[in-house]
Amino acid sequence: MRYLPFAQIIVSVLLVAAILLQRQGTGLSGVFGGEGNAYRTKRGFEKMLFIGTIILAVLFVALGIANVVIH
């Protein structure tokens, strides 16, 4: 199908945007005085964004596999 690469590009752009919108507070920020509460509950928009990121990642992989199988 001719539309699979375009769908994969759209999903990849949405996946990058979803990843960039997520909260920054991990890594070495706790060492330099940043927030150290890594264990907390996701609520509201943050939870929706987290689940949406997982869905987009699964969709991206599925489209990639479908693209390889069909072509």
PDB file of N, CA and C in Angstrom:
ATOM      1  N   MET A   1       0.833  -1.179   0.000  1.00  0.00           N
ATOM      2  CA  MET A   1       0.000   0.000   0.000  1.00  0.00           C
ATOM      3  C   MET A   1       0.881   1.247   0.000  1.00  0.00           C
ATOM      4  N   ARG A   2       0.432   2.237  -0.686  1.00  0.00           N
ATOM      5  CA  ARG A   2       1.199   3.475  -0.808  1.00  0.00           C
ATOM      6  C   ARG A   2       1.058   4.379   0.408  1.00  0.00           C
ATOM      7  N   TYR A   3       0.057   4.140   1.241  1.00  0.00           N
ATOM      8  CA  TYR A   3      -0.221   5.055   2.348  1.00  0.00           C
ATOM      9  C   TYR A   3       0.492   4.688   3.647  1.00  0.00           C
ATOM     10  N   LEU A   4       1.071   3.495   3.722  1.00  0.00           N
ATOM     11  CA  LEU A   4       1.739   3.077   4.954  1.00  0.00           C
ATOM     12  C   LEU A   4       2.919   3.974   5.335  1.00  0.00           C
ATOM     13  N   PRO A   5       3.799   4.338   4.408  1.00  0.00           N
ATOM     14  CA  PRO A   5       4.903   5.228   4.816  1.00  0.00           C
ATOM     15  C   PRO A   5       4.419   6.595   5.313  1.00  0.00           C
ATOM     16  N   PHE A   6       3.376   7.128   4.695  1.00  0.00           N
ATOM     17  CA  PHE A   6       2.849   8.421   5.129  1.00  0.00           C
ATOM     18  C   PHE A   6       2.208   8.306   6.508  1.00  0.00           C
ATOM     19  N   ALA A   7       1.499   7.216   6.746  1.00  0.00           N
ATOM     20  CA  ALA A   7       0.907   6.997   8.065  1.00  0.00           C
ATOM     21  C   ALA A   7       1.998   6.843   9.115  1.00  0.00           C
ATOM     22  N   GLN A   8       3.089   6.165   8.754  1.00  0.00           N
ATOM     23  CA  GLN A   8       4.177   5.986   9.700  1.00  0.00           C
ATOM     24  C   GLN A   8       4.870   7.316  10.004  1.00  0.00           C
ATOM     25  N   ILE A   9       4.994   8.175   9.032  1.00  0.00           N
ATOM     26  CA  ILE A   9       5.588   9.497   9.260  1.00  0.00           C
ATOM     27  C   ILE A   9       4.708  10.327  10.191  1.00  0.00           C
ATOM     28  N   ILE A  10       3.409  10.297   9.968  1.00  0.00           N
ATOM     29  CA  ILE A  10       2.485  11.053  10.819  1.00  0.00           C
ATOM     30  C   ILE A  10       2.531  10.536  12.250  1.00  0.00           C
ATOM     31  N   VAL A  11       2.516   9.204  12.409  1.00  0.00           N
ATOM     32  CA  VAL A  11       2.568   8.622  13.752  1.00  0.00           C
ATOM     33  C   VAL A  11       3.902   8.950  14.420  1.00  0.00           C
ATOM     34  N   SER A  12       4.992   8.954  13.648  1.00  0.00           N
ATOM     35  CA  SER A  12       6.296   9.257  14.247  1.00  0.00           C
ATOM     36  C   SER A  12       6.369  10.708  14.729  1.00  0.00           C
ATOM     37  N   VAL A  13       5.788  11.637  13.987  1.00  0.00           N
ATOM     38  CA  VAL A  13       5.775  13.039  14.412  1.00  0.00           C
ATOM     39  C   VAL A  13       4.929  13.194  15.682  1.00  0.00           C
ATOM     40  N   LEU A  14       3.789  12.518  15.725  1.00  0.00           N
ATOM     41  CA  LEU A  14       2.952  12.569  16.919  1.00  0.00           C
ATOM     42  C   LEU A  14       3.653  11.929  18.121  1.00  0.00           C
ATOM     43  N   LEU A  15       4.396  10.856  17.874  1.00  0.00           N
ATOM     44  CA  LEU A  15       5.127  10.188  18.952  1.00  0.00           C
ATOM     45  C   LEU A  15       6.226  11.087  19.504  1.00  0.00           C
ATOM     46  N   VAL A  16       6.942  11.753  18.637  1.00  0.00           N
ATOM     47  CA  VAL A  16       7.988  12.680  19.089  1.00  0.00           C
ATOM     48  C   VAL A  16       7.368  13.815  19.903  1.00  0.00           C
ATOM     49  N   ALA A  17       6.248  14.350  19.429  1.00  0.00           N
ATOM     50  CA  ALA A  17       5.578  15.434  20.158  1.00  0.00           C
ATOM     51  C   ALA A  17       5.101  14.960  21.525  1.00  0.00           C
ATOM     52  N   ALA A  18       4.557  13.745  21.597  1.00  0.00           N
ATOM     53  CA  ALA A  18       4.081  13.216  22.873  1.00  0.00           C
ATOM     54  C   ALA A  18       5.236  13.002  23.844  1.00  0.00           C
ATOM     55  N   ILE A  19       6.364  12.537  23.346  1.00  0.00           N
ATOM     56  CA  ILE A  19       7.528  12.333  24.206  1.00  0.00           C
ATOM     57  C   ILE A  19       8.063  13.671  24.708  1.00  0.00           C
ATOM     58  N   LEU A  20       8.114  14.666  23.840  1.00  0.00           N
ATOM     59  CA  LEU A  20       8.635  15.969  24.246  1.00  0.00           C
ATOM     60  C   LEU A  20       7.705  16.706  25.211  1.00  0.00           C
ATOM     61  N   LEU A  21       6.411  16.411  25.160  1.00  0.00           N
ATOM     62  CA  LEU A  21       5.460  17.060  26.061  1.00  0.00           C
ATOM     63  C   LEU A  21       5.497  16.484  27.467  1.00  0.00           C
ATOM     64  N   GLN A  22       6.069  15.304  27.618  1.00  0.00           N
ATOM     65  CA  GLN A  22       6.095  14.695  28.946  1.00  0.00           C
ATOM     66  C   GLN A  22       7.020  15.455  29.868  1.00  0.00           C
ATOM     67  N   ARG A  23       6.760  15.324  31.124  1.00  0.00           N
ATOM     68  CA  ARG A  23       7.467  16.089  32.147  1.00  0.00           C
ATOM     69  C   ARG A  23       8.935  15.711  32.224  1.00  0.00           C
ATOM     70  N   GLN A  24       9.782  16.721  32.344  1.00  0.00           N
ATOM     71  CA  GLN A  24      11.216  16.506  32.512  1.00  0.00           C
ATOM     72  C   GLN A  24      11.514  16.541  33.999  1.00  0.00           C
ATOM     73  N   GLY A  25      12.057  15.488  34.552  1.00  0.00           N
ATOM     74  CA  GLY A  25      12.367  15.467  35.961  1.00  0.00           C
ATOM     75  C   GLY A  25      13.099  14.200  36.331  1.00  0.00           C
ATOM     76  N   THR A  26      13.598  13.522  35.325  1.00  0.00           N
ATOM     77  CA  THR A  26      14.282  12.268  35.575  1.00  0.00           C
ATOM     78  C   THR A  26      15.763  12.433  35.275  1.00  0.00           C
ATOM     79  N   GLY A  27      16.483  11.394  35.445  1.00  0.00           N
ATOM     80  CA  GLY A  27      17.916  11.435  35.158  1.00  0.00           C
ATOM     81  C   GLY A  27      18.714  11.949  36.331  1.00  0.00           C
ATOM     82  N   LEU A  28      19.654  12.833  36.079  1.00  0.00           N
ATOM     83  CA  LEU A  28      20.549  13.333  37.114  1.00  0.00           C
ATOM     84  C   LEU A  28      20.060  14.613  37.775  1.00  0.00           C
ATOM     85  N   SER A  29      18.810  14.997  37.543  1.00  0.00           N
ATOM     86  CA  SER A  29      18.335  16.256  38.121  1.00  0.00           C
ATOM     87  C   SER A  29      18.277  16.201  39.644  1.00  0.00           C
ATOM     88  N   GLY A  30      18.046  15.026  40.217  1.00  0.00           N
ATOM     89  CA  GLY A  30      18.022  14.891  41.662  1.00  0.00           C
ATOM     90  C   GLY A  30      19.382  15.105  42.285  1.00  0.00           C
ATOM     91  N   VAL A  31      20.442  14.821  41.553  1.00  0.00           N
ATOM     92  CA  VAL A  31      21.793  15.008  42.059  1.00  0.00           C
ATOM     93  C   VAL A  31      22.120  16.490  42.193  1.00  0.00           C
ATOM     94  N   PHE A  32      21.608  17.290  41.285  1.00  0.00           N
ATOM     95  CA  PHE A  32      21.942  18.711  41.257  1.00  0.00           C
ATOM     96  C   PHE A  32      20.858  19.582  41.886  1.00  0.00           C
ATOM     97  N   GLY A  33      19.996  18.998  42.691  1.00  0.00           N
ATOM     98  CA  GLY A  33      19.013  19.786  43.419  1.00  0.00           C
ATOM     99  C   GLY A  33      17.640  19.804  42.791  1.00  0.00           C
ATOM    100  N   GLY A  34      17.410  19.006  41.783  1.00  0.00           N
ATOM    101  CA  GLY A  34      16.085  18.957  41.173  1.00  0.00           C
ATOM    102  C   GLY A  34      15.140  18.117  42.006  1.00  0.00           C
ATOM    103  N   GLU A  35      13.943  17.947  41.513  1.00  0.00           N
ATOM    104  CA  GLU A  35      12.960  17.159  42.246  1.00  0.00           C
ATOM    105  C   GLU A  35      13.374  15.695  42.253  1.00  0.00           C
ATOM    106  N   GLY A  36      13.182  15.052  43.374  1.00  0.00           N
ATOM    107  CA  GLY A  36      13.561  13.661  43.488  1.00  0.00           C
ATOM    108  C   GLY A  36      12.390  12.728  43.697  1.00  0.00           C
ATOM    109  N   ASN A  37      11.164  13.200  43.502  1.00  0.00           N
ATOM    110  CA  ASN A  37       9.999  12.343  43.722  1.00  0.00           C
ATOM    111  C   ASN A  37       9.671  11.571  42.447  1.00  0.00           C
ATOM    112  N   ALA A  38      10.400  10.509  42.235  1.00  0.00           N
ATOM    113  CA  ALA A  38      10.205   9.702  41.035  1.00  0.00           C
ATOM    114  C   ALA A  38       8.991   8.799  41.165  1.00  0.00           C
ATOM    115  N   TYR A  39       8.577   8.487  42.392  1.00  0.00           N
ATOM    116  CA  TYR A  39       7.467   7.580  42.610  1.00  0.00           C
ATOM    117  C   TYR A  39       6.229   8.373  42.981  1.00  0.00           C
ATOM    118  N   ARG A  40       5.411   8.655  41.987  1.00  0.00           N
ATOM    119  CA  ARG A  40       4.169   9.356  42.237  1.00  0.00           C
ATOM    120  C   ARG A  40       3.147   8.906  41.209  1.00  0.00           C
ATOM    121  N   THR A  41       1.902   9.199  41.458  1.00  0.00           N
ATOM    122  CA  THR A  41       0.816   8.749  40.595  1.00  0.00           C
ATOM    123  C   THR A  41       0.585   9.757  39.480  1.00  0.00           C
ATOM    124  N   LYS A  42       0.434   9.238  38.277  1.00  0.00           N
ATOM    125  CA  LYS A  42       0.097  10.108  37.144  1.00  0.00           C
ATOM    126  C   LYS A  42      -1.417  10.343  37.167  1.00  0.00           C
ATOM    127  N   ARG A  43      -1.808  11.599  36.941  1.00  0.00           N
ATOM    128  CA  ARG A  43      -3.227  11.947  36.960  1.00  0.00           C
ATOM    129  C   ARG A  43      -3.554  12.879  35.818  1.00  0.00           C
ATOM    130  N   GLY A  44      -4.778  12.833  35.385  1.00  0.00           N
ATOM    131  CA  GLY A  44      -5.293  13.770  34.399  1.00  0.00           C
ATOM    132  C   GLY A  44      -4.585  13.708  33.066  1.00  0.00           C
ATOM    133  N   PHE A  45      -4.166  14.879  32.594  1.00  0.00           N
ATOM    134  CA  PHE A  45      -3.541  14.994  31.281  1.00  0.00           C
ATOM    135  C   PHE A  45      -2.237  14.212  31.203  1.00  0.00           C
ATOM    136  N   GLU A  46      -1.494  14.171  32.310  1.00  0.00           N
ATOM    137  CA  GLU A  46      -0.220  13.456  32.326  1.00  0.00           C
ATOM    138  C   GLU A  46      -0.443  11.958  32.105  1.00  0.00           C
ATOM    139  N   LYS A  47      -1.480  11.401  32.696  1.00  0.00           N
ATOM    140  CA  LYS A  47      -1.787   9.982  32.513  1.00  0.00           C
ATOM    141  C   LYS A  47      -2.255   9.718  31.086  1.00  0.00           C
ATOM    142  N   MET A  48      -3.093  10.609  30.562  1.00  0.00           N
ATOM    143  CA  MET A  48      -3.588  10.459  29.196  1.00  0.00           C
ATOM    144  C   MET A  48      -2.432  10.541  28.197  1.00  0.00           C
ATOM    145  N   LEU A  49      -1.498  11.447  28.446  1.00  0.00           N
ATOM    146  CA  LEU A  49      -0.339  11.596  27.573  1.00  0.00           C
ATOM    147  C   LEU A  49       0.562  10.364  27.639  1.00  0.00           C
ATOM    148  N   PHE A  50       0.723   9.795  28.823  1.00  0.00           N
ATOM    149  CA  PHE A  50       1.529   8.599  29.015  1.00  0.00           C
ATOM    150  C   PHE A  50       0.938   7.410  28.262  1.00  0.00           C
ATOM    151  N   ILE A  51      -0.363   7.201  28.417  1.00  0.00           N
ATOM    152  CA  ILE A  51      -1.033   6.095  27.724  1.00  0.00           C
ATOM    153  C   ILE A  51      -1.036   6.326  26.222  1.00  0.00           C
ATOM    154  N   GLY A  52      -1.252   7.573  25.799  1.00  0.00           N
ATOM    155  CA  GLY A  52      -1.207   7.897  24.373  1.00  0.00           C
ATOM    156  C   GLY A  52       0.158   7.649  23.763  1.00  0.00           C
ATOM    157  N   THR A  53       1.217   7.910  24.524  1.00  0.00           N
ATOM    158  CA  THR A  53       2.572   7.658  24.042  1.00  0.00           C
ATOM    159  C   THR A  53       2.798   6.165  23.830  1.00  0.00           C
ATOM    160  N   ILE A  54       2.305   5.353  24.741  1.00  0.00           N
ATOM    161  CA  ILE A  54       2.432   3.904  24.588  1.00  0.00           C
ATOM    162  C   ILE A  54       1.663   3.423  23.360  1.00  0.00           C
ATOM    163  N   ILE A  55       0.455   3.936  23.175  1.00  0.00           N
ATOM    164  CA  ILE A  55      -0.358   3.545  22.021  1.00  0.00           C
ATOM    165  C   ILE A  55       0.327   3.960  20.718  1.00  0.00           C
ATOM    166  N   LEU A  56       0.860   5.178  20.680  1.00  0.00           N
ATOM    167  CA  LEU A  56       1.550   5.637  19.472  1.00  0.00           C
ATOM    168  C   LEU A  56       2.799   4.810  19.187  1.00  0.00           C
ATOM    169  N   ALA A  57       3.521   4.412  20.224  1.00  0.00           N
ATOM    170  CA  ALA A  57       4.722   3.595  20.025  1.00  0.00           C
ATOM    171  C   ALA A  57       4.354   2.224  19.464  1.00  0.00           C
ATOM    172  N   VAL A  58       3.307   1.619  19.998  1.00  0.00           N
ATOM    173  CA  VAL A  58       2.863   0.312  19.491  1.00  0.00           C
ATOM    174  C   VAL A  58       2.380   0.447  18.046  1.00  0.00           C
ATOM    175  N   LEU A  59       1.643   1.499  17.755  1.00  0.00           N
ATOM    176  CA  LEU A  59       1.159   1.738  16.395  1.00  0.00           C
ATOM    177  C   LEU A  59       2.316   1.972  15.436  1.00  0.00           C
ATOM    178  N   PHE A  60       3.348   2.699  15.881  1.00  0.00           N
ATOM    179  CA  PHE A  60       4.517   2.952  15.040  1.00  0.00           C
ATOM    180  C   PHE A  60       5.239   1.645  14.697  1.00  0.00           C
ATOM    181  N   VAL A  61       5.418   0.783  15.686  1.00  0.00           N
ATOM    182  CA  VAL A  61       6.078  -0.505  15.442  1.00  0.00           C
ATOM    183  C   VAL A  61       5.218  -1.374  14.526  1.00  0.00           C
ATOM    184  N   ALA A  62       3.909  -1.393  14.746  1.00  0.00           N
ATOM    185  CA  ALA A  62       3.013  -2.193  13.911  1.00  0.00           C
ATOM    186  C   ALA A  62       3.035  -1.710  12.458  1.00  0.00           C
ATOM    187  N   LEU A  63       3.034  -0.404  12.265  1.00  0.00           N
ATOM    188  CA  LEU A  63       3.114   0.131  10.903  1.00  0.00           C
ATOM    189  C   LEU A  63       4.450  -0.201  10.249  1.00  0.00           C
ATOM    190  N   GLY A  64       5.529  -0.170  11.025  1.00  0.00           N
ATOM    191  CA  GLY A  64       6.835  -0.529  10.487  1.00  0.00           C
ATOM    192  C   GLY A  64       6.889  -1.987  10.060  1.00  0.00           C
ATOM    193  N   ILE A  65       6.351  -2.862  10.888  1.00  0.00           N
ATOM    194  CA  ILE A  65       6.324  -4.288  10.529  1.00  0.00           C
ATOM    195  C   ILE A  65       5.434  -4.518   9.310  1.00  0.00           C
ATOM    196  N   ALA A  66       4.271  -3.877   9.282  1.00  0.00           N
ATOM    197  CA  ALA A  66       3.369  -4.012   8.130  1.00  0.00           C
ATOM    198  C   ALA A  66       4.029  -3.493   6.859  1.00  0.00           C
ATOM    199  N   ASN A  67       4.787  -2.423   6.977  1.00  0.00           N
ATOM    200  CA  ASN A  67       5.478  -1.862   5.820  1.00  0.00           C
ATOM    201  C   ASN A  67       6.533  -2.829   5.294  1.00  0.00           C
ATOM    202  N   VAL A  68       7.246  -3.494   6.185  1.00  0.00           N
ATOM    203  CA  VAL A  68       8.265  -4.452   5.762  1.00  0.00           C
ATOM    204  C   VAL A  68       7.639  -5.692   5.143  1.00  0.00           C
ATOM    205  N   VAL A  69       6.547  -6.160   5.725  1.00  0.00           N
ATOM    206  CA  VAL A  69       5.896  -7.384   5.224  1.00  0.00           C
ATOM    207  C   VAL A  69       5.285  -7.155   3.860  1.00  0.00           C
ATOM    208  N   ILE A  70       4.650  -6.011   3.679  1.00  0.00           N
ATOM    209  CA  ILE A  70       3.948  -5.754   2.411  1.00  0.00           C
ATOM    210  C   ILE A  70       4.930  -5.432   1.285  1.00  0.00           C
ATOM    211  N   HIS A  71       5.984  -4.699   1.590  1.00  0.00           N
ATOM    212  CA  HIS A  71       6.939  -4.327   0.544  1.00  0.00           C
ATOM    213  C   HIS A  71       8.002  -5.336   0.510  1.00  0.00           C
TER     214      HIS A  71
END
